[in-house]
């Protein structure tokens, strides 16, 4: 499985962007991109969201996990308001599914992935 840094480098190459141009496009400091590319820092959730918003052809699953090819989204992801308002306890279909992956997002903008 390729690392986040390899996926980020692929985004830069495929879009013919320098790290500075990329930083400007997603509205982050150049040093943030440099620190991630050098593996000094891990990407924050905010950083990942900014990539997702500015590169609509990149799936979040591929960006975070590298497990899905870059694909254009057919529909925009649901807003957090929609997700928070949905009552999953009454959804019979959810009760019969097995959890295969949980992604925990922390208040310092880091995340951890737990897979079954």
PDB file of N, CA and C in Angstrom:
ATOM      1  N   UNK A   1       0.852  -1.179   0.000  1.00  0.00           N
ATOM      2  CA  UNK A   1       0.000   0.000   0.000  1.00  0.00           C
ATOM      3  C   UNK A   1       0.898   1.243   0.000  1.00  0.00           C
ATOM      4  N   UNK A   2       0.557   2.167  -0.849  1.00  0.00           N
ATOM      5  CA  UNK A   2       1.361   3.388  -0.918  1.00  0.00           C
ATOM      6  C   UNK A   2       1.048   4.301   0.257  1.00  0.00           C
ATOM      7  N   UNK A   3       2.006   5.113   0.631  1.00  0.00           N
ATOM      8  CA  UNK A   3       1.830   6.011   1.758  1.00  0.00           C
ATOM      9  C   UNK A   3       1.125   7.288   1.322  1.00  0.00           C
ATOM     10  N   UNK A   4       0.687   8.052   2.304  1.00  0.00           N
ATOM     11  CA  UNK A   4       0.037   9.331   2.004  1.00  0.00           C
ATOM     12  C   UNK A   4       0.988  10.226   1.217  1.00  0.00           C
ATOM     13  N   UNK A   5       2.264  10.214   1.584  1.00  0.00           N
ATOM     14  CA  UNK A   5       3.246  11.061   0.890  1.00  0.00           C
ATOM     15  C   UNK A   5       3.321  10.680  -0.590  1.00  0.00           C
ATOM     16  N   UNK A   6       3.320   9.385  -0.881  1.00  0.00           N
ATOM     17  CA  UNK A   6       3.343   8.944  -2.286  1.00  0.00           C
ATOM     18  C   UNK A   6       2.085   9.391  -3.028  1.00  0.00           C
ATOM     19  N   UNK A   7       0.943   9.344  -2.344  1.00  0.00           N
ATOM     20  CA  UNK A   7      -0.304   9.792  -2.987  1.00  0.00           C
ATOM     21  C   UNK A   7      -0.273  11.300  -3.212  1.00  0.00           C
ATOM     22  N   UNK A   8       0.268  12.033  -2.248  1.00  0.00           N
ATOM     23  CA  UNK A   8       0.380  13.485  -2.404  1.00  0.00           C
ATOM     24  C   UNK A   8       1.325  13.829  -3.555  1.00  0.00           C
ATOM     25  N   UNK A   9       2.438  13.116  -3.656  1.00  0.00           N
ATOM     26  CA  UNK A   9       3.364  13.348  -4.765  1.00  0.00           C
ATOM     27  C   UNK A   9       2.707  13.023  -6.106  1.00  0.00           C
ATOM     28  N   UNK A  10       1.869  12.001  -6.126  1.00  0.00           N
ATOM     29  CA  UNK A  10       1.144  11.654  -7.342  1.00  0.00           C
ATOM     30  C   UNK A  10       0.194  12.788  -7.743  1.00  0.00           C
ATOM     31  N   UNK A  11      -0.476  13.380  -6.778  1.00  0.00           N
ATOM     32  CA  UNK A  11      -1.369  14.516  -7.052  1.00  0.00           C
ATOM     33  C   UNK A  11      -0.573  15.664  -7.666  1.00  0.00           C
ATOM     34  N   UNK A  12       0.590  15.958  -7.088  1.00  0.00           N
ATOM     35  CA  UNK A  12       1.421  17.043  -7.611  1.00  0.00           C
ATOM     36  C   UNK A  12       1.862  16.745  -9.041  1.00  0.00           C
ATOM     37  N   UNK A  13       2.336  15.529  -9.283  1.00  0.00           N
ATOM     38  CA  UNK A  13       2.811  15.144 -10.614  1.00  0.00           C
ATOM     39  C   UNK A  13       1.673  15.155 -11.635  1.00  0.00           C
ATOM     40  N   UNK A  14       0.556  14.514 -11.289  1.00  0.00           N
ATOM     41  CA  UNK A  14      -0.567  14.414 -12.219  1.00  0.00           C
ATOM     42  C   UNK A  14      -1.144  15.776 -12.589  1.00  0.00           C
ATOM     43  N   UNK A  15      -1.033  16.736 -11.681  1.00  0.00           N
ATOM     44  CA  UNK A  15      -1.581  18.074 -11.926  1.00  0.00           C
ATOM     45  C   UNK A  15      -0.500  19.083 -12.302  1.00  0.00           C
ATOM     46  N   UNK A  16       0.727  18.584 -12.504  1.00  0.00           N
ATOM     47  CA  UNK A  16       1.859  19.421 -12.904  1.00  0.00           C
ATOM     48  C   UNK A  16       1.994  20.640 -11.989  1.00  0.00           C
ATOM     49  N   UNK A  17       1.988  20.371 -10.673  1.00  0.00           N
ATOM     50  CA  UNK A  17       2.081  21.440  -9.680  1.00  0.00           C
ATOM     51  C   UNK A  17       3.353  21.303  -8.861  1.00  0.00           C
ATOM     52  N   UNK A  18       3.965  22.416  -8.546  1.00  0.00           N
ATOM     53  CA  UNK A  18       5.057  22.411  -7.574  1.00  0.00           C
ATOM     54  C   UNK A  18       4.411  22.381  -6.185  1.00  0.00           C
ATOM     55  N   UNK A  19       5.198  22.121  -5.171  1.00  0.00           N
ATOM     56  CA  UNK A  19       4.667  22.130  -3.808  1.00  0.00           C
ATOM     57  C   UNK A  19       4.112  23.510  -3.456  1.00  0.00           C
ATOM     58  N   UNK A  20       4.783  24.551  -3.927  1.00  0.00           N
ATOM     59  CA  UNK A  20       4.305  25.923  -3.667  1.00  0.00           C
ATOM     60  C   UNK A  20       2.972  26.193  -4.358  1.00  0.00           C
ATOM     61  N   UNK A  21       2.851  25.772  -5.602  1.00  0.00           N
ATOM     62  CA  UNK A  21       1.590  25.963  -6.336  1.00  0.00           C
ATOM     63  C   UNK A  21       0.461  25.177  -5.672  1.00  0.00           C
ATOM     64  N   UNK A  22       0.776  23.962  -5.243  1.00  0.00           N
ATOM     65  CA  UNK A  22      -0.211  23.130  -4.568  1.00  0.00           C
ATOM     66  C   UNK A  22      -0.670  23.788  -3.271  1.00  0.00           C
ATOM     67  N   UNK A  23       0.280  24.284  -2.488  1.00  0.00           N
ATOM     68  CA  UNK A  23      -0.049  24.943  -1.217  1.00  0.00           C
ATOM     69  C   UNK A  23      -0.963  26.139  -1.459  1.00  0.00           C
ATOM     70  N   UNK A  24      -0.659  26.899  -2.483  1.00  0.00           N
ATOM     71  CA  UNK A  24      -1.485  28.068  -2.807  1.00  0.00           C
ATOM     72  C   UNK A  24      -2.885  27.630  -3.237  1.00  0.00           C
ATOM     73  N   UNK A  25      -2.956  26.562  -4.034  1.00  0.00           N
ATOM     74  CA  UNK A  25      -4.252  26.077  -4.536  1.00  0.00           C
ATOM     75  C   UNK A  25      -5.175  25.622  -3.407  1.00  0.00           C
ATOM     76  N   UNK A  26      -4.610  24.950  -2.395  1.00  0.00           N
ATOM     77  CA  UNK A  26      -5.467  24.463  -1.304  1.00  0.00           C
ATOM     78  C   UNK A  26      -5.463  25.413  -0.101  1.00  0.00           C
ATOM     79  N   UNK A  27      -4.771  26.528  -0.241  1.00  0.00           N
ATOM     80  CA  UNK A  27      -4.766  27.582   0.773  1.00  0.00           C
ATOM     81  C   UNK A  27      -4.152  27.135   2.108  1.00  0.00           C
ATOM     82  N   UNK A  28      -2.927  26.589   2.001  1.00  0.00           N
ATOM     83  CA  UNK A  28      -2.146  26.254   3.194  1.00  0.00           C
ATOM     84  C   UNK A  28      -0.759  26.843   3.021  1.00  0.00           C
ATOM     85  N   UNK A  29       0.009  26.897   4.100  1.00  0.00           N
ATOM     86  CA  UNK A  29       1.376  27.393   4.010  1.00  0.00           C
ATOM     87  C   UNK A  29       2.255  26.374   3.289  1.00  0.00           C
ATOM     88  N   UNK A  30       3.210  26.873   2.563  1.00  0.00           N
ATOM     89  CA  UNK A  30       4.146  26.013   1.825  1.00  0.00           C
ATOM     90  C   UNK A  30       4.862  25.075   2.787  1.00  0.00           C
ATOM     91  N   UNK A  31       5.168  25.559   3.976  1.00  0.00           N
ATOM     92  CA  UNK A  31       5.873  24.732   4.960  1.00  0.00           C
ATOM     93  C   UNK A  31       5.039  23.512   5.378  1.00  0.00           C
ATOM     94  N   UNK A  32       3.718  23.653   5.395  1.00  0.00           N
ATOM     95  CA  UNK A  32       2.849  22.512   5.740  1.00  0.00           C
ATOM     96  C   UNK A  32       3.025  21.391   4.729  1.00  0.00           C
ATOM     97  N   UNK A  33       3.039  21.754   3.469  1.00  0.00           N
ATOM     98  CA  UNK A  33       3.218  20.758   2.403  1.00  0.00           C
ATOM     99  C   UNK A  33       4.617  20.154   2.502  1.00  0.00           C
ATOM    100  N   UNK A  34       5.613  20.989   2.705  1.00  0.00           N
ATOM    101  CA  UNK A  34       6.994  20.527   2.811  1.00  0.00           C
ATOM    102  C   UNK A  34       7.173  19.550   3.967  1.00  0.00           C
ATOM    103  N   UNK A  35       6.582  19.850   5.108  1.00  0.00           N
ATOM    104  CA  UNK A  35       6.707  18.980   6.282  1.00  0.00           C
ATOM    105  C   UNK A  35       6.026  17.634   6.058  1.00  0.00           C
ATOM    106  N   UNK A  36       4.931  17.629   5.331  1.00  0.00           N
ATOM    107  CA  UNK A  36       4.251  16.360   5.036  1.00  0.00           C
ATOM    108  C   UNK A  36       5.062  15.562   4.018  1.00  0.00           C
ATOM    109  N   UNK A  37       5.544  16.224   2.975  1.00  0.00           N
ATOM    110  CA  UNK A  37       6.338  15.533   1.956  1.00  0.00           C
ATOM    111  C   UNK A  37       7.629  14.954   2.529  1.00  0.00           C
ATOM    112  N   UNK A  38       8.195  15.613   3.520  1.00  0.00           N
ATOM    113  CA  UNK A  38       9.433  15.116   4.149  1.00  0.00           C
ATOM    114  C   UNK A  38       9.147  14.112   5.268  1.00  0.00           C
ATOM    115  N   UNK A  39       7.877  13.835   5.487  1.00  0.00           N
ATOM    116  CA  UNK A  39       7.406  12.901   6.526  1.00  0.00           C
ATOM    117  C   UNK A  39       7.688  13.395   7.938  1.00  0.00           C
ATOM    118  N   UNK A  40       7.933  14.689   8.057  1.00  0.00           N
ATOM    119  CA  UNK A  40       8.118  15.276   9.387  1.00  0.00           C
ATOM    120  C   UNK A  40       6.792  15.321  10.134  1.00  0.00           C
ATOM    121  N   UNK A  41       5.716  15.677   9.414  1.00  0.00           N
ATOM    122  CA  UNK A  41       4.375  15.762  10.005  1.00  0.00           C
ATOM    123  C   UNK A  41       3.414  14.863   9.240  1.00  0.00           C
ATOM    124  N   UNK A  42       2.383  14.435   9.932  1.00  0.00           N
ATOM    125  CA  UNK A  42       1.273  13.736   9.283  1.00  0.00           C
ATOM    126  C   UNK A  42       0.252  14.789   8.866  1.00  0.00           C
ATOM    127  N   UNK A  43      -0.535  14.493   7.832  1.00  0.00           N
ATOM    128  CA  UNK A  43      -1.531  15.480   7.398  1.00  0.00           C
ATOM    129  C   UNK A  43      -2.658  15.602   8.417  1.00  0.00           C
ATOM    130  N   UNK A  44      -3.133  16.812   8.605  1.00  0.00           N
ATOM    131  CA  UNK A  44      -4.277  17.030   9.493  1.00  0.00           C
ATOM    132  C   UNK A  44      -5.566  16.756   8.719  1.00  0.00           C
ATOM    133  N   UNK A  45      -6.638  16.622   9.436  1.00  0.00           N
ATOM    134  CA  UNK A  45      -7.945  16.456   8.796  1.00  0.00           C
ATOM    135  C   UNK A  45      -8.255  17.679   7.928  1.00  0.00           C
ATOM    136  N   UNK A  46      -7.932  18.855   8.420  1.00  0.00           N
ATOM    137  CA  UNK A  46      -8.162  20.079   7.664  1.00  0.00           C
ATOM    138  C   UNK A  46      -7.406  20.048   6.335  1.00  0.00           C
ATOM    139  N   UNK A  47      -6.177  19.587   6.359  1.00  0.00           N
ATOM    140  CA  UNK A  47      -5.347  19.480   5.151  1.00  0.00           C
ATOM    141  C   UNK A  47      -6.006  18.530   4.150  1.00  0.00           C
ATOM    142  N   UNK A  48      -6.462  17.379   4.616  1.00  0.00           N
ATOM    143  CA  UNK A  48      -7.103  16.386   3.749  1.00  0.00           C
ATOM    144  C   UNK A  48      -8.398  16.944   3.161  1.00  0.00           C
ATOM    145  N   UNK A  49      -9.182  17.623   3.968  1.00  0.00           N
ATOM    146  CA  UNK A  49     -10.436  18.212   3.487  1.00  0.00           C
ATOM    147  C   UNK A  49     -10.159  19.257   2.416  1.00  0.00           C
ATOM    148  N   UNK A  50      -9.124  20.056   2.608  1.00  0.00           N
ATOM    149  CA  UNK A  50      -8.776  21.080   1.611  1.00  0.00           C
ATOM    150  C   UNK A  50      -8.385  20.437   0.283  1.00  0.00           C
ATOM    151  N   UNK A  51      -7.663  19.329   0.329  1.00  0.00           N
ATOM    152  CA  UNK A  51      -7.335  18.617  -0.908  1.00  0.00           C
ATOM    153  C   UNK A  51      -8.617  18.128  -1.568  1.00  0.00           C
ATOM    154  N   UNK A  52      -9.486  17.501  -0.777  1.00  0.00           N
ATOM    155  CA  UNK A  52     -10.733  16.950  -1.301  1.00  0.00           C
ATOM    156  C   UNK A  52     -11.605  18.019  -1.952  1.00  0.00           C
ATOM    157  N   UNK A  53     -11.669  19.187  -1.347  1.00  0.00           N
ATOM    158  CA  UNK A  53     -12.505  20.264  -1.893  1.00  0.00           C
ATOM    159  C   UNK A  53     -11.926  20.853  -3.169  1.00  0.00           C
ATOM    160  N   UNK A  54     -10.615  20.847  -3.298  1.00  0.00           N
ATOM    161  CA  UNK A  54      -9.971  21.463  -4.457  1.00  0.00           C
ATOM    162  C   UNK A  54      -9.673  20.495  -5.595  1.00  0.00           C
ATOM    163  N   UNK A  55      -9.719  19.199  -5.326  1.00  0.00           N
ATOM    164  CA  UNK A  55      -9.478  18.187  -6.348  1.00  0.00           C
ATOM    165  C   UNK A  55     -10.660  17.214  -6.329  1.00  0.00           C
ATOM    166  N   UNK A  56     -11.711  17.589  -7.030  1.00  0.00           N
ATOM    167  CA  UNK A  56     -12.965  16.827  -6.995  1.00  0.00           C
ATOM    168  C   UNK A  56     -12.825  15.420  -7.570  1.00  0.00           C
ATOM    169  N   UNK A  57     -11.785  15.179  -8.365  1.00  0.00           N
ATOM    170  CA  UNK A  57     -11.612  13.859  -8.974  1.00  0.00           C
ATOM    171  C   UNK A  57     -10.908  12.861  -8.056  1.00  0.00           C
ATOM    172  N   UNK A  58     -10.583  13.277  -6.851  1.00  0.00           N
ATOM    173  CA  UNK A  58      -9.872  12.401  -5.912  1.00  0.00           C
ATOM    174  C   UNK A  58     -10.820  11.945  -4.816  1.00  0.00           C
ATOM    175  N   UNK A  59     -10.943  10.634  -4.651  1.00  0.00           N
ATOM    176  CA  UNK A  59     -11.829  10.115  -3.613  1.00  0.00           C
ATOM    177  C   UNK A  59     -11.135  10.194  -2.259  1.00  0.00           C
ATOM    178  N   UNK A  60     -11.928  10.421  -1.229  1.00  0.00           N
ATOM    179  CA  UNK A  60     -11.376  10.467   0.129  1.00  0.00           C
ATOM    180  C   UNK A  60     -10.784   9.124   0.525  1.00  0.00           C
ATOM    181  N   UNK A  61     -11.403   8.036   0.091  1.00  0.00           N
ATOM    182  CA  UNK A  61     -10.891   6.715   0.449  1.00  0.00           C
ATOM    183  C   UNK A  61      -9.484   6.519  -0.108  1.00  0.00           C
ATOM    184  N   UNK A  62      -9.281   6.920  -1.354  1.00  0.00           N
ATOM    185  CA  UNK A  62      -7.938   6.806  -1.931  1.00  0.00           C
ATOM    186  C   UNK A  62      -6.971   7.754  -1.224  1.00  0.00           C
ATOM    187  N   UNK A  63      -7.409   8.964  -0.972  1.00  0.00           N
ATOM    188  CA  UNK A  63      -6.545   9.963  -0.351  1.00  0.00           C
ATOM    189  C   UNK A  63      -6.097   9.538   1.043  1.00  0.00           C
ATOM    190  N   UNK A  64      -7.015   9.025   1.849  1.00  0.00           N
ATOM    191  CA  UNK A  64      -6.704   8.645   3.230  1.00  0.00           C
ATOM    192  C   UNK A  64      -6.054   7.266   3.316  1.00  0.00           C
ATOM    193  N   UNK A  65      -6.619   6.296   2.594  1.00  0.00           N
ATOM    194  CA  UNK A  65      -6.188   4.907   2.748  1.00  0.00           C
ATOM    195  C   UNK A  65      -5.392   4.351   1.588  1.00  0.00           C
ATOM    196  N   UNK A  66      -5.532   4.948   0.417  1.00  0.00           N
ATOM    197  CA  UNK A  66      -4.871   4.416  -0.768  1.00  0.00           C
ATOM    198  C   UNK A  66      -5.501   3.136  -1.261  1.00  0.00           C
ATOM    199  N   UNK A  67      -6.736   2.853  -0.848  1.00  0.00           N
ATOM    200  CA  UNK A  67      -7.370   1.580  -1.182  1.00  0.00           C
ATOM    201  C   UNK A  67      -8.327   1.658  -2.356  1.00  0.00           C
ATOM    202  N   UNK A  68      -8.548   2.821  -2.874  1.00  0.00           N
ATOM    203  CA  UNK A  68      -9.453   2.974  -4.004  1.00  0.00           C
ATOM    204  C   UNK A  68      -8.755   3.828  -5.039  1.00  0.00           C
ATOM    205  N   UNK A  69      -8.993   3.530  -6.293  1.00  0.00           N
ATOM    206  CA  UNK A  69      -8.405   4.354  -7.339  1.00  0.00           C
ATOM    207  C   UNK A  69      -8.994   5.748  -7.281  1.00  0.00           C
ATOM    208  N   UNK A  70      -8.262   6.691  -7.856  1.00  0.00           N
ATOM    209  CA  UNK A  70      -8.804   8.039  -7.977  1.00  0.00           C
ATOM    210  C   UNK A  70     -10.035   7.939  -8.870  1.00  0.00           C
ATOM    211  N   UNK A  71     -11.160   8.344  -8.369  1.00  0.00           N
ATOM    212  CA  UNK A  71     -12.372   8.320  -9.177  1.00  0.00           C
ATOM    213  C   UNK A  71     -13.126   9.611  -8.973  1.00  0.00           C
ATOM    214  N   UNK A  72     -13.796  10.007 -10.007  1.00  0.00           N
ATOM    215  CA  UNK A  72     -14.603  11.210  -9.904  1.00  0.00           C
ATOM    216  C   UNK A  72     -15.849  10.862  -9.107  1.00  0.00           C
ATOM    217  N   UNK A  73     -16.193  11.703  -8.166  1.00  0.00           N
ATOM    218  CA  UNK A  73     -17.395  11.487  -7.367  1.00  0.00           C
ATOM    219  C   UNK A  73     -18.618  11.787  -8.218  1.00  0.00           C
ATOM    220  N   UNK A  74     -19.575  10.880  -8.189  1.00  0.00           N
ATOM    221  CA  UNK A  74     -20.821  11.112  -8.918  1.00  0.00           C
ATOM    222  C   UNK A  74     -21.741  12.054  -8.169  1.00  0.00           C
ATOM    223  N   UNK A  75     -21.697  11.987  -6.855  1.00  0.00           N
ATOM    224  CA  UNK A  75     -22.527  12.862  -6.042  1.00  0.00           C
ATOM    225  C   UNK A  75     -21.664  13.436  -4.933  1.00  0.00           C
ATOM    226  N   UNK A  76     -21.968  14.636  -4.507  1.00  0.00           N
ATOM    227  CA  UNK A  76     -21.178  15.203  -3.414  1.00  0.00           C
ATOM    228  C   UNK A  76     -21.442  14.432  -2.123  1.00  0.00           C
ATOM    229  N   UNK A  77     -20.462  14.385  -1.228  1.00  0.00           N
ATOM    230  CA  UNK A  77     -20.690  13.696   0.036  1.00  0.00           C
ATOM    231  C   UNK A  77     -21.746  14.429   0.855  1.00  0.00           C
ATOM    232  N   UNK A  78     -22.470  13.709   1.729  1.00  0.00           N
ATOM    233  CA  UNK A  78     -23.485  14.384   2.527  1.00  0.00           C
ATOM    234  C   UNK A  78     -22.849  15.380   3.480  1.00  0.00           C
ATOM    235  N   UNK A  79     -23.591  16.409   3.782  1.00  0.00           N
ATOM    236  CA  UNK A  79     -23.080  17.388   4.730  1.00  0.00           C
ATOM    237  C   UNK A  79     -23.088  16.776   6.126  1.00  0.00           C
ATOM    238  N   UNK A  80     -22.284  17.325   7.023  1.00  0.00           N
ATOM    239  CA  UNK A  80     -22.258  16.813   8.393  1.00  0.00           C
ATOM    240  C   UNK A  80     -23.609  16.990   9.062  1.00  0.00           C
ATOM    241  N   UNK A  81     -24.346  18.050   8.694  1.00  0.00           N
ATOM    242  CA  UNK A  81     -25.674  18.253   9.267  1.00  0.00           C
ATOM    243  C   UNK A  81     -26.572  17.063   8.955  1.00  0.00           C
ATOM    244  N   UNK A  82     -26.503  16.574   7.719  1.00  0.00           N
ATOM    245  CA  UNK A  82     -27.323  15.428   7.322  1.00  0.00           C
ATOM    246  C   UNK A  82     -26.916  14.192   8.121  1.00  0.00           C
ATOM    247  N   UNK A  83     -25.635  13.949   8.227  1.00  0.00           N
ATOM    248  CA  UNK A  83     -25.149  12.769   8.943  1.00  0.00           C
ATOM    249  C   UNK A  83     -25.549  12.828  10.414  1.00  0.00           C
ATOM    250  N   UNK A  84     -25.423  14.003  11.039  1.00  0.00           N
ATOM    251  CA  UNK A  84     -25.753  14.126  12.452  1.00  0.00           C
ATOM    252  C   UNK A  84     -27.251  13.985  12.711  1.00  0.00           C
ATOM    253  N   UNK A  85     -28.090  14.391  11.768  1.00  0.00           N
ATOM    254  CA  UNK A  85     -29.534  14.338  11.969  1.00  0.00           C
ATOM    255  C   UNK A  85     -30.115  12.960  11.699  1.00  0.00           C
ATOM    256  N   UNK A  86     -29.419  12.127  10.935  1.00  0.00           N
ATOM    257  CA  UNK A  86     -29.949  10.810  10.603  1.00  0.00           C
ATOM    258  C   UNK A  86     -29.946   9.933  11.848  1.00  0.00           C
ATOM    259  N   UNK A  87     -31.042   9.265  12.105  1.00  0.00           N
ATOM    260  CA  UNK A  87     -31.158   8.400  13.266  1.00  0.00           C
ATOM    261  C   UNK A  87     -30.832   6.973  12.846  1.00  0.00           C
ATOM    262  N   UNK A  88     -29.593   6.549  13.047  1.00  0.00           N
ATOM    263  CA  UNK A  88     -29.179   5.231  12.606  1.00  0.00           C
ATOM    264  C   UNK A  88     -29.775   4.103  13.441  1.00  0.00           C
ATOM    265  N   UNK A  89     -30.179   4.390  14.657  1.00  0.00           N
ATOM    266  CA  UNK A  89     -30.722   3.324  15.493  1.00  0.00           C
ATOM    267  C   UNK A  89     -32.032   2.772  14.937  1.00  0.00           C
ATOM    268  N   UNK A  90     -32.739   3.550  14.137  1.00  0.00           N
ATOM    269  CA  UNK A  90     -33.994   3.090  13.544  1.00  0.00           C
ATOM    270  C   UNK A  90     -33.803   2.523  12.149  1.00  0.00           C
ATOM    271  N   UNK A  91     -32.594   2.500  11.661  1.00  0.00           N
ATOM    272  CA  UNK A  91     -32.321   2.032  10.309  1.00  0.00           C
ATOM    273  C   UNK A  91     -32.026   0.532  10.358  1.00  0.00           C
ATOM    274  N   UNK A  92     -32.991  -0.276   9.926  1.00  0.00           N
ATOM    275  CA  UNK A  92     -32.880  -1.732  10.010  1.00  0.00           C
ATOM    276  C   UNK A  92     -31.703  -2.233   9.179  1.00  0.00           C
ATOM    277  N   UNK A  93     -31.452  -1.629   8.030  1.00  0.00           N
ATOM    278  CA  UNK A  93     -30.373  -2.084   7.163  1.00  0.00           C
ATOM    279  C   UNK A  93     -29.018  -1.958   7.855  1.00  0.00           C
ATOM    280  N   UNK A  94     -28.810  -0.913   8.605  1.00  0.00           N
ATOM    281  CA  UNK A  94     -27.536  -0.710   9.299  1.00  0.00           C
ATOM    282  C   UNK A  94     -27.320  -1.811  10.339  1.00  0.00           C
ATOM    283  N   UNK A  95     -28.386  -2.259  10.994  1.00  0.00           N
ATOM    284  CA  UNK A  95     -28.270  -3.245  12.057  1.00  0.00           C
ATOM    285  C   UNK A  95     -27.786  -4.602  11.545  1.00  0.00           C
ATOM    286  N   UNK A  96     -27.902  -4.882  10.255  1.00  0.00           N
ATOM    287  CA  UNK A  96     -27.508  -6.173   9.704  1.00  0.00           C
ATOM    288  C   UNK A  96     -26.175  -6.119   8.972  1.00  0.00           C
ATOM    289  N   UNK A  97     -25.441  -5.055   9.128  1.00  0.00           N
ATOM    290  CA  UNK A  97     -24.155  -4.928   8.460  1.00  0.00           C
ATOM    291  C   UNK A  97     -23.030  -5.100   9.470  1.00  0.00           C
ATOM    292  N   UNK A  98     -21.894  -5.582   8.995  1.00  0.00           N
ATOM    293  CA  UNK A  98     -20.710  -5.719   9.832  1.00  0.00           C
ATOM    294  C   UNK A  98     -19.812  -4.512   9.629  1.00  0.00           C
ATOM    295  N   UNK A  99     -19.268  -4.004  10.700  1.00  0.00           N
ATOM    296  CA  UNK A  99     -18.349  -2.882  10.612  1.00  0.00           C
ATOM    297  C   UNK A  99     -16.993  -3.409  10.142  1.00  0.00           C
ATOM    298  N   UNK A 100     -16.451  -2.796   9.098  1.00  0.00           N
ATOM    299  CA  UNK A 100     -15.144  -3.215   8.595  1.00  0.00           C
ATOM    300  C   UNK A 100     -14.068  -2.171   8.841  1.00  0.00           C
ATOM    301  N   UNK A 101     -14.482  -0.904   9.046  1.00  0.00           N
ATOM    302  CA  UNK A 101     -13.488   0.140   9.253  1.00  0.00           C
ATOM    303  C   UNK A 101     -14.096   1.267  10.072  1.00  0.00           C
ATOM    304  N   UNK A 102     -13.316   1.780  11.013  1.00  0.00           N
ATOM    305  CA  UNK A 102     -13.720   2.944  11.798  1.00  0.00           C
ATOM    306  C   UNK A 102     -12.589   3.962  11.700  1.00  0.00           C
ATOM    307  N   UNK A 103     -12.950   5.201  11.393  1.00  0.00           N
ATOM    308  CA  UNK A 103     -11.967   6.273  11.341  1.00  0.00           C
ATOM    309  C   UNK A 103     -12.305   7.242  12.458  1.00  0.00           C
ATOM    310  N   UNK A 104     -11.350   7.453  13.357  1.00  0.00           N
ATOM    311  CA  UNK A 104     -11.540   8.372  14.480  1.00  0.00           C
ATOM    312  C   UNK A 104     -10.792   9.663  14.187  1.00  0.00           C
ATOM    313  N   UNK A 105     -11.507  10.770  14.254  1.00  0.00           N
ATOM    314  CA  UNK A 105     -10.914  12.078  14.046  1.00  0.00           C
ATOM    315  C   UNK A 105     -10.771  12.761  15.399  1.00  0.00           C
ATOM    316  N   UNK A 106      -9.594  13.308  15.668  1.00  0.00           N
ATOM    317  CA  UNK A 106      -9.309  13.920  16.944  1.00  0.00           C
ATOM    318  C   UNK A 106      -9.273  15.440  16.841  1.00  0.00           C
ATOM    319  N   UNK A 107      -9.431  16.114  17.981  1.00  0.00           N
ATOM    320  CA  UNK A 107      -9.513  17.575  17.975  1.00  0.00           C
ATOM    321  C   UNK A 107      -8.204  18.254  17.572  1.00  0.00           C
ATOM    322  N   UNK A 108      -7.105  17.517  17.477  1.00  0.00           N
ATOM    323  CA  UNK A 108      -5.851  18.110  16.986  1.00  0.00           C
ATOM    324  C   UNK A 108      -5.701  17.907  15.476  1.00  0.00           C
ATOM    325  N   UNK A 109      -6.818  17.528  14.820  1.00  0.00           N
ATOM    326  CA  UNK A 109      -6.892  17.318  13.373  1.00  0.00           C
ATOM    327  C   UNK A 109      -6.144  16.083  12.891  1.00  0.00           C
ATOM    328  N   UNK A 110      -5.768  15.192  13.784  1.00  0.00           N
ATOM    329  CA  UNK A 110      -5.177  13.928  13.374  1.00  0.00           C
ATOM    330  C   UNK A 110      -6.289  12.888  13.319  1.00  0.00           C
ATOM    331  N   UNK A 111      -5.973  11.714  12.783  1.00  0.00           N
ATOM    332  CA  UNK A 111      -6.965  10.648  12.708  1.00  0.00           C
ATOM    333  C   UNK A 111      -6.279   9.298  12.824  1.00  0.00           C
ATOM    334  N   UNK A 112      -7.056   8.291  13.220  1.00  0.00           N
ATOM    335  CA  UNK A 112      -6.567   6.920  13.271  1.00  0.00           C
ATOM    336  C   UNK A 112      -7.596   6.025  12.614  1.00  0.00           C
ATOM    337  N   UNK A 113      -7.119   4.994  11.939  1.00  0.00           N
ATOM    338  CA  UNK A 113      -7.991   4.076  11.217  1.00  0.00           C
ATOM    339  C   UNK A 113      -7.895   2.702  11.868  1.00  0.00           C
ATOM    340  N   UNK A 114      -9.037   2.135  12.165  1.00  0.00           N
ATOM    341  CA  UNK A 114      -9.122   0.792  12.735  1.00  0.00           C
ATOM    342  C   UNK A 114      -9.885  -0.071  11.741  1.00  0.00           C
ATOM    343  N   UNK A 115      -9.248  -1.181  11.322  1.00  0.00           N
ATOM    344  CA  UNK A 115      -9.879  -2.073  10.363  1.00  0.00           C
ATOM    345  C   UNK A 115     -10.068  -3.450  10.966  1.00  0.00           C
ATOM    346  N   UNK A 116     -11.157  -4.082  10.575  1.00  0.00           N
ATOM    347  CA  UNK A 116     -11.467  -5.424  11.043  1.00  0.00           C
ATOM    348  C   UNK A 116     -10.729  -6.437  10.207  1.00  0.00           C
TER     349      UNK A 116
END
